[in-house]
Every structure is written in C-alpha cells, then in structure tokens.
Amino acid sequence: MTTIASEQLHTLAPIGLEELVERAALLARVDRKYVLPVATARQVIALAPATTRVLEIDGRRSFGYRSTYLDTPSLDSFLTAGRGQRRRWKVRTRSYLDTGGSWLEVKTRAPRDHNLKQRIEHPDAELVGGLTAAGEEYVGSIIGAGLAAQLRPVLATGYLRSTLLLPESDSRVTIDVDLGWTALPHGRDLDRPGLAIVETKTGSTPSAVDRLLWRLGHRPSRISKYGVGMAALHPSLPRLKWHHTLDRQLSVPRAA
C-alpha cells in the first residue's frame, strides 16, 4: 500500500472532524484536481504554509475510502460529464472504511461553475444492490425520478485519503493515494499505486496549494475518478475530455 509519509503529516497541527466541517464544509465550491507522482504529493505537504492543519481522528491522519458510482444503462452521467454538458450530475455512495459510516452523494453544477454536493446517510450501493427506496426518492428529487429509477452500480473506487485545512482561506486539500478502480458487477481492475490525486476545494480564489503547484509547474488536470475509471475499464467507451489524462498521466493504452 502506498502511503503519504507519516513523519510529514505529523509535522502539521491536527484538526478534528467537527471543526473541519464547520470551517470548510464548502458544499458549493470550485474543485481543482492534479494528478501527480506520490513524491510530488509529499513535496506539497513539506512546502505547504506552516499554518496548515491535518485532519486527525483517533490518532489517524490517513483514512480508507470506498466509492460506488451509479449510472443509467445508457450511461447518462458518464456521457454528460465527459461532454461538459451543463446539466450533468454524479451519484455515488461513499463509505469511510476506518471511521465507519456511508453516505449517498449527488453532485450537480451550481451557478458560476461551482459544484454542489448534497448527501444523506445510505449503505454502500454495491452491497445492497443499488439504491434503497429512500435513496432513490432522494436522488429523484434532485435529478428527476425517471433517471433515479434507472440507476445501478457500475464502478467502485478505493483510495487512502489525507485531508488538509488551509486556515487563511478555510480551503481544503485532499491527497488520495493507493488508487484503485473496479468495474461492476464483476469486471476488470485498474491500480495506480505510484500516483496521487491532489484536489483543492476553495471558493472562487485559488488556494496557497494551487499557487504552490503552479510554481512547481503543475496545472489542474481533467480528471474524474468515475470518468477515467469507466473509460479505462471499458475500452469501447469514448475517452471524451479525459483522453489526455488517460494517455499521459494514467498511462492507459488505447484499445487496439
């Protein structure tokens, strides 16, 4: 398993979950994602502002996550996202493997190119075979009952996450390593242990970590864990806006 060096994370002051949520919930936000070698992700921690704090729960500073993505038989979520359509959406369940709990999350586009995330408690969709009745009703209230009724699990992702808070802007930074994808229900796997996905979650102003990465020569990548996972594990699907990331950063060969 790839990990962010614990000695680097432990140089940062801790922050508890309740305070982190209070200060940086940012359910409406601008997300910037970077695909980096794990060594560069460690460098980000080393060069981050001295006031940076790291999420700590029960002495842990890195946590296992599992996400199960749902889509329609015609892959409406995948295609609308990959084509950059304004009325796009993403539905997933997210399970916190180390701390417990699972949530159903619906991401949509808000005005001014912000992402809006809404969620309720819900079991892992793969484990229960899809959405519960309450989950389907909740999703239907956001994207429409017709679409919600068609959703079924199509992709699972797993990763190890560390979360930073930048107090000056109340921005969050997540660093995901040990990246893996599995096509559902019983499909192929893709693993990229040497890579990290660093995501900044801010208001409209870039964070100190964004500016740090720009100085180091890194620019935001077009990546969605769902989008690249589906395109990588189903070679017949179009690569759409993720083709550069798949070709050059994830090194996924094209179908012959």
C-alpha atoms as a PDB file:
ATOM      1  CA  MET A   1       0.000   0.000   0.000  1.00  0.00           C
ATOM      2  CA  THR A   2       1.259   3.477  -0.870  1.00  0.00           C
ATOM      3  CA  THR A   3       1.107   5.998   1.954  1.00  0.00           C
ATOM      4  CA  ILE A   4       1.945   9.640   2.420  1.00  0.00           C
ATOM      5  CA  ALA A   5       4.971   9.715   4.725  1.00  0.00           C
ATOM      6  CA  SER A   6       3.626   9.774   8.277  1.00  0.00           C
ATOM      7  CA  GLU A   7       6.544  11.868   9.509  1.00  0.00           C
ATOM      8  CA  GLN A   8       5.498  14.644   7.111  1.00  0.00           C
ATOM      9  CA  LEU A   9       1.848  14.560   8.135  1.00  0.00           C
ATOM     10  CA  HIS A  10       2.830  14.575  11.798  1.00  0.00           C
ATOM     11  CA  THR A  11       4.738  17.835  11.414  1.00  0.00           C
ATOM     12  CA  LEU A  12       1.340  19.527  10.899  1.00  0.00           C
ATOM     13  CA  ALA A  13      -1.017  20.622  13.649  1.00  0.00           C
ATOM     14  CA  PRO A  14      -4.143  18.436  13.872  1.00  0.00           C
ATOM     15  CA  ILE A  15      -7.756  19.462  13.389  1.00  0.00           C
ATOM     16  CA  GLY A  16     -10.807  17.446  14.420  1.00  0.00           C
ATOM     17  CA  LEU A  17     -13.602  16.496  12.058  1.00  0.00           C
ATOM     18  CA  GLU A  18     -16.221  18.735  13.668  1.00  0.00           C
ATOM     19  CA  GLU A  19     -14.049  21.839  13.386  1.00  0.00           C
ATOM     20  CA  LEU A  20     -13.006  20.960   9.825  1.00  0.00           C
ATOM     21  CA  VAL A  21     -16.624  20.635   8.724  1.00  0.00           C
ATOM     22  CA  GLU A  22     -17.547  23.868  10.479  1.00  0.00           C
ATOM     23  CA  ARG A  23     -14.735  25.827   8.864  1.00  0.00           C
ATOM     24  CA  ALA A  24     -14.522  24.267   5.415  1.00  0.00           C
ATOM     25  CA  ALA A  25     -17.654  22.312   4.532  1.00  0.00           C
ATOM     26  CA  LEU A  26     -17.706  24.028   1.113  1.00  0.00           C
ATOM     27  CA  LEU A  27     -20.544  22.002  -0.379  1.00  0.00           C
ATOM     28  CA  ALA A  28     -20.712  24.689  -3.090  1.00  0.00           C
ATOM     29  CA  ARG A  29     -17.165  25.138  -4.285  1.00  0.00           C
ATOM     30  CA  VAL A  30     -14.565  25.229  -7.034  1.00  0.00           C
ATOM     31  CA  ASP A  31     -12.552  21.997  -7.282  1.00  0.00           C
ATOM     32  CA  ARG A  32      -9.122  21.815  -8.899  1.00  0.00           C
ATOM     33  CA  LYS A  33      -7.537  18.395  -9.333  1.00  0.00           C
ATOM     34  CA  TYR A  34      -3.942  17.460 -10.029  1.00  0.00           C
ATOM     35  CA  VAL A  35      -2.557  14.033 -10.994  1.00  0.00           C
ATOM     36  CA  LEU A  36       0.936  13.815  -9.541  1.00  0.00           C
ATOM     37  CA  PRO A  37       3.636  11.315  -8.650  1.00  0.00           C
ATOM     38  CA  VAL A  38       3.370  10.353  -4.991  1.00  0.00           C
ATOM     39  CA  ALA A  39       6.756  12.011  -4.376  1.00  0.00           C
ATOM     40  CA  THR A  40       5.334  15.351  -5.547  1.00  0.00           C
ATOM     41  CA  ALA A  41       2.347  14.952  -3.231  1.00  0.00           C
ATOM     42  CA  ARG A  42       4.778  14.531  -0.352  1.00  0.00           C
ATOM     43  CA  GLN A  43       6.543  17.682  -1.512  1.00  0.00           C
ATOM     44  CA  VAL A  44       3.243  19.570  -1.332  1.00  0.00           C
ATOM     45  CA  ILE A  45       2.947  18.674   2.353  1.00  0.00           C
ATOM     46  CA  ALA A  46       6.546  19.684   3.030  1.00  0.00           C
ATOM     47  CA  LEU A  47       6.135  23.080   1.310  1.00  0.00           C
ATOM     48  CA  ALA A  48       2.602  23.908   2.456  1.00  0.00           C
ATOM     49  CA  PRO A  49       2.123  27.002   4.672  1.00  0.00           C
ATOM     50  CA  ALA A  50       3.289  26.498   8.249  1.00  0.00           C
ATOM     51  CA  THR A  51      -0.258  27.092   9.493  1.00  0.00           C
ATOM     52  CA  THR A  52      -1.635  24.113   7.546  1.00  0.00           C
ATOM     53  CA  ARG A  53      -3.566  21.611   9.678  1.00  0.00           C
ATOM     54  CA  VAL A  54      -4.330  17.947   9.012  1.00  0.00           C
ATOM     55  CA  LEU A  55      -7.490  16.021   9.842  1.00  0.00           C
ATOM     56  CA  GLU A  56      -6.888  13.625  12.730  1.00  0.00           C
ATOM     57  CA  ILE A  57      -9.409  11.115  14.096  1.00  0.00           C
ATOM     58  CA  ASP A  58      -8.453   8.683  16.869  1.00  0.00           C
ATOM     59  CA  GLY A  59      -4.778   9.273  16.156  1.00  0.00           C
ATOM     60  CA  ARG A  60      -5.089   8.536  12.426  1.00  0.00           C
ATOM     61  CA  ARG A  61      -4.224  11.021   9.689  1.00  0.00           C
ATOM     62  CA  SER A  62      -4.908   8.878   6.609  1.00  0.00           C
ATOM     63  CA  PHE A  63      -8.197   7.070   6.015  1.00  0.00           C
ATOM     64  CA  GLY A  64      -9.509   4.407   3.657  1.00  0.00           C
ATOM     65  CA  TYR A  65     -12.388   5.359   1.370  1.00  0.00           C
ATOM     66  CA  ARG A  66     -14.573   3.340  -0.977  1.00  0.00           C
ATOM     67  CA  SER A  67     -16.934   4.917  -3.506  1.00  0.00           C
ATOM     68  CA  THR A  68     -19.554   3.117  -5.596  1.00  0.00           C
ATOM     69  CA  TYR A  69     -20.787   5.056  -8.627  1.00  0.00           C
ATOM     70  CA  LEU A  70     -24.218   4.575 -10.152  1.00  0.00           C
ATOM     71  CA  ASP A  71     -25.356   5.294 -13.700  1.00  0.00           C
ATOM     72  CA  THR A  72     -28.159   4.515 -16.115  1.00  0.00           C
ATOM     73  CA  PRO A  73     -27.938   1.723 -18.735  1.00  0.00           C
ATOM     74  CA  SER A  74     -27.192   4.416 -21.342  1.00  0.00           C
ATOM     75  CA  LEU A  75     -24.500   5.952 -19.075  1.00  0.00           C
ATOM     76  CA  ASP A  76     -26.092   9.395 -18.886  1.00  0.00           C
ATOM     77  CA  SER A  77     -23.843  10.509 -16.025  1.00  0.00           C
ATOM     78  CA  PHE A  78     -20.634   9.431 -17.772  1.00  0.00           C
ATOM     79  CA  LEU A  79     -21.538  10.949 -21.134  1.00  0.00           C
ATOM     80  CA  THR A  80     -22.906  14.281 -19.930  1.00  0.00           C
ATOM     81  CA  ALA A  81     -19.852  14.796 -17.722  1.00  0.00           C
ATOM     82  CA  GLY A  82     -17.402  13.787 -20.435  1.00  0.00           C
ATOM     83  CA  ARG A  83     -19.036  16.125 -22.951  1.00  0.00           C
ATOM     84  CA  GLY A  84     -19.070  19.008 -20.498  1.00  0.00           C
ATOM     85  CA  GLN A  85     -22.826  19.488 -20.579  1.00  0.00           C
ATOM     86  CA  ARG A  86     -24.150  21.976 -18.051  1.00  0.00           C
ATOM     87  CA  ARG A  87     -26.965  19.725 -16.807  1.00  0.00           C
ATOM     88  CA  ARG A  88     -24.666  16.978 -15.613  1.00  0.00           C
ATOM     89  CA  TRP A  89     -24.724  15.028 -12.376  1.00  0.00           C
ATOM     90  CA  LYS A  90     -22.932  12.286 -10.479  1.00  0.00           C
ATOM     91  CA  VAL A  91     -24.407   9.813  -7.995  1.00  0.00           C
ATOM     92  CA  ARG A  92     -22.301   7.674  -5.673  1.00  0.00           C
ATOM     93  CA  THR A  93     -22.196   6.111  -2.255  1.00  0.00           C
ATOM     94  CA  ARG A  94     -19.097   6.820  -0.211  1.00  0.00           C
ATOM     95  CA  SER A  95     -18.006   4.580   2.654  1.00  0.00           C
ATOM     96  CA  TYR A  96     -15.483   5.580   5.314  1.00  0.00           C
ATOM     97  CA  LEU A  97     -13.633   2.343   5.949  1.00  0.00           C
ATOM     98  CA  ASP A  98     -11.650   3.366   9.036  1.00  0.00           C
ATOM     99  CA  THR A  99     -14.120   5.619  10.841  1.00  0.00           C
ATOM    100  CA  GLY A 100     -17.392   3.995   9.764  1.00  0.00           C
ATOM    101  CA  GLY A 101     -20.437   5.403   8.043  1.00  0.00           C
ATOM    102  CA  SER A 102     -21.650   5.544   4.461  1.00  0.00           C
ATOM    103  CA  TRP A 103     -23.352   8.331   2.520  1.00  0.00           C
ATOM    104  CA  LEU A 104     -25.283   8.742  -0.705  1.00  0.00           C
ATOM    105  CA  GLU A 105     -23.958  11.803  -2.532  1.00  0.00           C
ATOM    106  CA  VAL A 106     -25.377  13.682  -5.517  1.00  0.00           C
ATOM    107  CA  LYS A 107     -23.125  16.207  -7.249  1.00  0.00           C
ATOM    108  CA  THR A 108     -24.556  18.762  -9.672  1.00  0.00           C
ATOM    109  CA  ARG A 109     -23.440  22.028 -11.222  1.00  0.00           C
ATOM    110  CA  ALA A 110     -24.338  25.250  -9.446  1.00  0.00           C
ATOM    111  CA  PRO A 111     -24.133  28.786 -10.889  1.00  0.00           C
ATOM    112  CA  ARG A 112     -20.698  30.264 -11.685  1.00  0.00           C
ATOM    113  CA  ASP A 113     -19.192  26.810 -12.351  1.00  0.00           C
ATOM    114  CA  HIS A 114     -19.359  25.748  -8.708  1.00  0.00           C
ATOM    115  CA  ASN A 115     -20.009  22.138  -7.771  1.00  0.00           C
ATOM    116  CA  LEU A 116     -22.910  21.467  -5.419  1.00  0.00           C
ATOM    117  CA  LYS A 117     -22.874  18.285  -3.327  1.00  0.00           C
ATOM    118  CA  GLN A 118     -25.921  17.053  -1.414  1.00  0.00           C
ATOM    119  CA  ARG A 119     -25.952  13.869   0.659  1.00  0.00           C
ATOM    120  CA  ILE A 120     -27.796  11.627   3.089  1.00  0.00           C
ATOM    121  CA  GLU A 121     -26.793   8.518   5.011  1.00  0.00           C
ATOM    122  CA  HIS A 122     -27.092   5.365   2.888  1.00  0.00           C
ATOM    123  CA  PRO A 123     -25.359   1.953   2.757  1.00  0.00           C
ATOM    124  CA  ASP A 124     -22.784   1.093   0.077  1.00  0.00           C
ATOM    125  CA  ALA A 125     -24.805   0.712  -3.124  1.00  0.00           C
ATOM    126  CA  GLU A 126     -22.833  -2.332  -4.251  1.00  0.00           C
ATOM    127  CA  LEU A 127     -23.518  -4.175  -1.003  1.00  0.00           C
ATOM    128  CA  VAL A 128     -27.283  -3.579  -1.185  1.00  0.00           C
ATOM    129  CA  GLY A 129     -27.600  -3.976  -4.964  1.00  0.00           C
ATOM    130  CA  GLY A 130     -28.325  -0.322  -5.762  1.00  0.00           C
ATOM    131  CA  LEU A 131     -30.301   2.422  -4.078  1.00  0.00           C
ATOM    132  CA  THR A 132     -32.743   1.861  -1.259  1.00  0.00           C
ATOM    133  CA  ALA A 133     -36.277   3.184  -1.759  1.00  0.00           C
ATOM    134  CA  ALA A 134     -35.421   6.226   0.345  1.00  0.00           C
ATOM    135  CA  GLY A 135     -32.201   6.719  -1.599  1.00  0.00           C
ATOM    136  CA  GLU A 136     -33.974   6.552  -4.946  1.00  0.00           C
ATOM    137  CA  GLU A 137     -36.553   9.072  -3.765  1.00  0.00           C
ATOM    138  CA  TYR A 138     -33.803  11.417  -2.571  1.00  0.00           C
ATOM    139  CA  VAL A 139     -31.849  11.219  -5.829  1.00  0.00           C
ATOM    140  CA  GLY A 140     -35.052  11.615  -7.828  1.00  0.00           C
ATOM    141  CA  SER A 141     -35.817  14.869  -6.044  1.00  0.00           C
ATOM    142  CA  ILE A 142     -32.533  16.259  -7.412  1.00  0.00           C
ATOM    143  CA  ILE A 143     -32.035  14.769 -10.895  1.00  0.00           C
ATOM    144  CA  GLY A 144     -35.537  13.501 -11.648  1.00  0.00           C
ATOM    145  CA  ALA A 145     -37.411  10.327 -10.749  1.00  0.00           C
ATOM    146  CA  GLY A 146     -37.052   8.858 -14.243  1.00  0.00           C
ATOM    147  CA  LEU A 147     -33.267   8.899 -14.112  1.00  0.00           C
ATOM    148  CA  ALA A 148     -33.085   7.822 -10.476  1.00  0.00           C
ATOM    149  CA  ALA A 149     -35.183   4.724 -11.174  1.00  0.00           C
ATOM    150  CA  GLN A 150     -32.631   3.511 -13.757  1.00  0.00           C
ATOM    151  CA  LEU A 151     -29.505   3.801 -11.635  1.00  0.00           C
ATOM    152  CA  ARG A 152     -27.386   0.767 -10.820  1.00  0.00           C
ATOM    153  CA  PRO A 153     -23.794   0.322  -9.564  1.00  0.00           C
ATOM    154  CA  VAL A 154     -21.238   0.394 -12.388  1.00  0.00           C
ATOM    155  CA  LEU A 155     -17.867   1.276 -10.819  1.00  0.00           C
ATOM    156  CA  ALA A 156     -16.104   1.096  -7.450  1.00  0.00           C
ATOM    157  CA  THR A 157     -13.039   3.065  -6.417  1.00  0.00           C
ATOM    158  CA  GLY A 158     -10.782   2.748  -3.410  1.00  0.00           C
ATOM    159  CA  TYR A 159      -8.066   5.026  -2.071  1.00  0.00           C
ATOM    160  CA  LEU A 160      -6.312   6.301   1.041  1.00  0.00           C
ATOM    161  CA  ARG A 161      -7.011   9.972   1.823  1.00  0.00           C
ATOM    162  CA  SER A 162      -5.374  12.671   3.925  1.00  0.00           C
ATOM    163  CA  THR A 163      -7.197  15.999   4.327  1.00  0.00           C
ATOM    164  CA  LEU A 164      -5.558  19.359   4.966  1.00  0.00           C
ATOM    165  CA  LEU A 165      -7.069  22.689   6.030  1.00  0.00           C
ATOM    166  CA  LEU A 166      -5.515  25.984   4.937  1.00  0.00           C
ATOM    167  CA  PRO A 167      -6.710  28.314   7.723  1.00  0.00           C
ATOM    168  CA  GLU A 168      -6.062  31.608   5.919  1.00  0.00           C
ATOM    169  CA  SER A 169      -8.722  30.817   3.302  1.00  0.00           C
ATOM    170  CA  ASP A 170     -10.569  27.945   5.037  1.00  0.00           C
ATOM    171  CA  SER A 171      -9.798  25.903   1.928  1.00  0.00           C
ATOM    172  CA  ARG A 172      -9.449  22.134   1.984  1.00  0.00           C
ATOM    173  CA  VAL A 173      -6.889  19.977   0.217  1.00  0.00           C
ATOM    174  CA  THR A 174      -7.310  16.230  -0.152  1.00  0.00           C
ATOM    175  CA  ILE A 175      -4.464  13.909  -1.109  1.00  0.00           C
ATOM    176  CA  ASP A 176      -5.532  10.488  -2.394  1.00  0.00           C
ATOM    177  CA  VAL A 177      -3.046   7.634  -2.846  1.00  0.00           C
ATOM    178  CA  ASP A 178      -3.231   3.846  -3.280  1.00  0.00           C
ATOM    179  CA  LEU A 179      -5.660   4.452  -6.152  1.00  0.00           C
ATOM    180  CA  GLY A 180      -7.747   1.572  -7.491  1.00  0.00           C
ATOM    181  CA  TRP A 181     -10.826   1.069  -9.701  1.00  0.00           C
ATOM    182  CA  THR A 182     -13.077  -1.970 -10.286  1.00  0.00           C
ATOM    183  CA  ALA A 183     -15.756  -2.309 -12.961  1.00  0.00           C
ATOM    184  CA  LEU A 184     -19.039  -3.648 -11.566  1.00  0.00           C
ATOM    185  CA  PRO A 185     -20.581  -6.082 -11.119  1.00  0.00           C
ATOM    186  CA  HIS A 186     -17.637  -8.432 -11.810  1.00  0.00           C
ATOM    187  CA  GLY A 187     -15.255  -6.629 -14.101  1.00  0.00           C
ATOM    188  CA  ARG A 188     -11.647  -5.643 -14.576  1.00  0.00           C
ATOM    189  CA  ASP A 189      -9.394  -3.799 -12.135  1.00  0.00           C
ATOM    190  CA  LEU A 190      -7.064  -0.830 -12.583  1.00  0.00           C
ATOM    191  CA  ASP A 191      -4.456   0.182  -9.983  1.00  0.00           C
ATOM    192  CA  ARG A 192      -2.075   3.147  -9.984  1.00  0.00           C
ATOM    193  CA  PRO A 193      -0.049   2.937  -6.732  1.00  0.00           C
ATOM    194  CA  GLY A 194       2.611   5.387  -7.929  1.00  0.00           C
ATOM    195  CA  LEU A 195       0.208   8.267  -8.466  1.00  0.00           C
ATOM    196  CA  ALA A 196      -1.665  10.664  -6.223  1.00  0.00           C
ATOM    197  CA  ILE A 197      -4.696  12.845  -6.889  1.00  0.00           C
ATOM    198  CA  VAL A 198      -4.430  16.176  -5.093  1.00  0.00           C
ATOM    199  CA  GLU A 199      -7.657  18.169  -5.020  1.00  0.00           C
ATOM    200  CA  THR A 200      -8.126  21.703  -3.752  1.00  0.00           C
ATOM    201  CA  LYS A 201     -11.608  22.759  -2.681  1.00  0.00           C
ATOM    202  CA  THR A 202     -11.975  26.515  -2.494  1.00  0.00           C
ATOM    203  CA  GLY A 203     -14.260  29.424  -3.095  1.00  0.00           C
ATOM    204  CA  SER A 204     -13.558  31.391  -6.253  1.00  0.00           C
ATOM    205  CA  THR A 205      -9.976  32.286  -5.207  1.00  0.00           C
ATOM    206  CA  PRO A 206      -7.180  29.721  -5.738  1.00  0.00           C
ATOM    207  CA  SER A 207      -5.599  28.376  -2.556  1.00  0.00           C
ATOM    208  CA  ALA A 208      -1.990  28.583  -1.416  1.00  0.00           C
ATOM    209  CA  VAL A 209      -1.532  24.958  -2.505  1.00  0.00           C
ATOM    210  CA  ASP A 210      -2.812  25.779  -6.007  1.00  0.00           C
ATOM    211  CA  ARG A 211      -0.266  28.568  -6.274  1.00  0.00           C
ATOM    212  CA  LEU A 212       2.459  26.272  -4.918  1.00  0.00           C
ATOM    213  CA  LEU A 213       1.694  23.625  -7.525  1.00  0.00           C
ATOM    214  CA  TRP A 214       1.663  26.210 -10.292  1.00  0.00           C
ATOM    215  CA  ARG A 215       5.113  27.402  -9.228  1.00  0.00           C
ATOM    216  CA  LEU A 216       6.298  23.778  -9.398  1.00  0.00           C
ATOM    217  CA  GLY A 217       4.994  23.541 -12.969  1.00  0.00           C
ATOM    218  CA  HIS A 218       1.787  21.564 -12.348  1.00  0.00           C
ATOM    219  CA  ARG A 219      -1.578  22.603 -13.742  1.00  0.00           C
ATOM    220  CA  PRO A 220      -5.044  21.229 -12.970  1.00  0.00           C
ATOM    221  CA  SER A 221      -5.901  18.005 -14.776  1.00  0.00           C
ATOM    222  CA  ARG A 222      -9.153  16.962 -16.371  1.00  0.00           C
ATOM    223  CA  ILE A 223      -9.905  14.026 -14.137  1.00  0.00           C
ATOM    224  CA  SER A 224     -12.939  12.439 -12.600  1.00  0.00           C
ATOM    225  CA  LYS A 225     -12.322   9.180 -10.777  1.00  0.00           C
ATOM    226  CA  TYR A 226     -15.585   7.983 -12.273  1.00  0.00           C
ATOM    227  CA  GLY A 227     -14.889   9.198 -15.801  1.00  0.00           C
ATOM    228  CA  VAL A 228     -11.352   7.872 -16.139  1.00  0.00           C
ATOM    229  CA  GLY A 229     -12.245   4.606 -14.427  1.00  0.00           C
ATOM    230  CA  MET A 230     -15.118   3.884 -16.807  1.00  0.00           C
ATOM    231  CA  ALA A 231     -13.113   4.820 -19.905  1.00  0.00           C
ATOM    232  CA  ALA A 232     -10.087   2.797 -18.766  1.00  0.00           C
ATOM    233  CA  LEU A 233     -12.016  -0.355 -17.846  1.00  0.00           C
ATOM    234  CA  HIS A 234     -14.398  -0.239 -20.824  1.00  0.00           C
ATOM    235  CA  PRO A 235     -12.172   0.331 -23.880  1.00  0.00           C
ATOM    236  CA  SER A 236     -15.190   0.586 -26.179  1.00  0.00           C
ATOM    237  CA  LEU A 237     -16.284   3.807 -24.451  1.00  0.00           C
ATOM    238  CA  PRO A 238     -15.092   7.183 -25.763  1.00  0.00           C
ATOM    239  CA  ARG A 239     -12.374   8.878 -23.727  1.00  0.00           C
ATOM    240  CA  LEU A 240     -14.040  12.263 -24.154  1.00  0.00           C
ATOM    241  CA  LYS A 241     -12.426  15.110 -22.206  1.00  0.00           C
ATOM    242  CA  TRP A 242     -10.287  12.704 -20.170  1.00  0.00           C
ATOM    243  CA  HIS A 243      -8.202  11.440 -23.100  1.00  0.00           C
ATOM    244  CA  HIS A 244      -5.070  13.420 -22.161  1.00  0.00           C
ATOM    245  CA  THR A 245      -5.200  12.258 -18.540  1.00  0.00           C
ATOM    246  CA  LEU A 246      -5.707   8.635 -19.571  1.00  0.00           C
ATOM    247  CA  ASP A 247      -2.971   8.734 -22.212  1.00  0.00           C
ATOM    248  CA  ARG A 248      -0.256  10.723 -20.468  1.00  0.00           C
ATOM    249  CA  GLN A 249      -0.856  10.646 -16.736  1.00  0.00           C
ATOM    250  CA  LEU A 250      -2.533   7.300 -16.045  1.00  0.00           C
ATOM    251  CA  SER A 251      -0.772   5.592 -18.993  1.00  0.00           C
ATOM    252  CA  VAL A 252      -3.833   3.574 -20.020  1.00  0.00           C
ATOM    253  CA  PRO A 253      -3.301   2.137 -23.531  1.00  0.00           C
ATOM    254  CA  ARG A 254      -5.994   2.654 -26.110  1.00  0.00           C
ATOM    255  CA  ALA A 255      -7.964  -0.290 -27.470  1.00  0.00           C
ATOM    256  CA  ALA A 256      -6.287  -1.989 -30.411  1.00  0.00           C
END
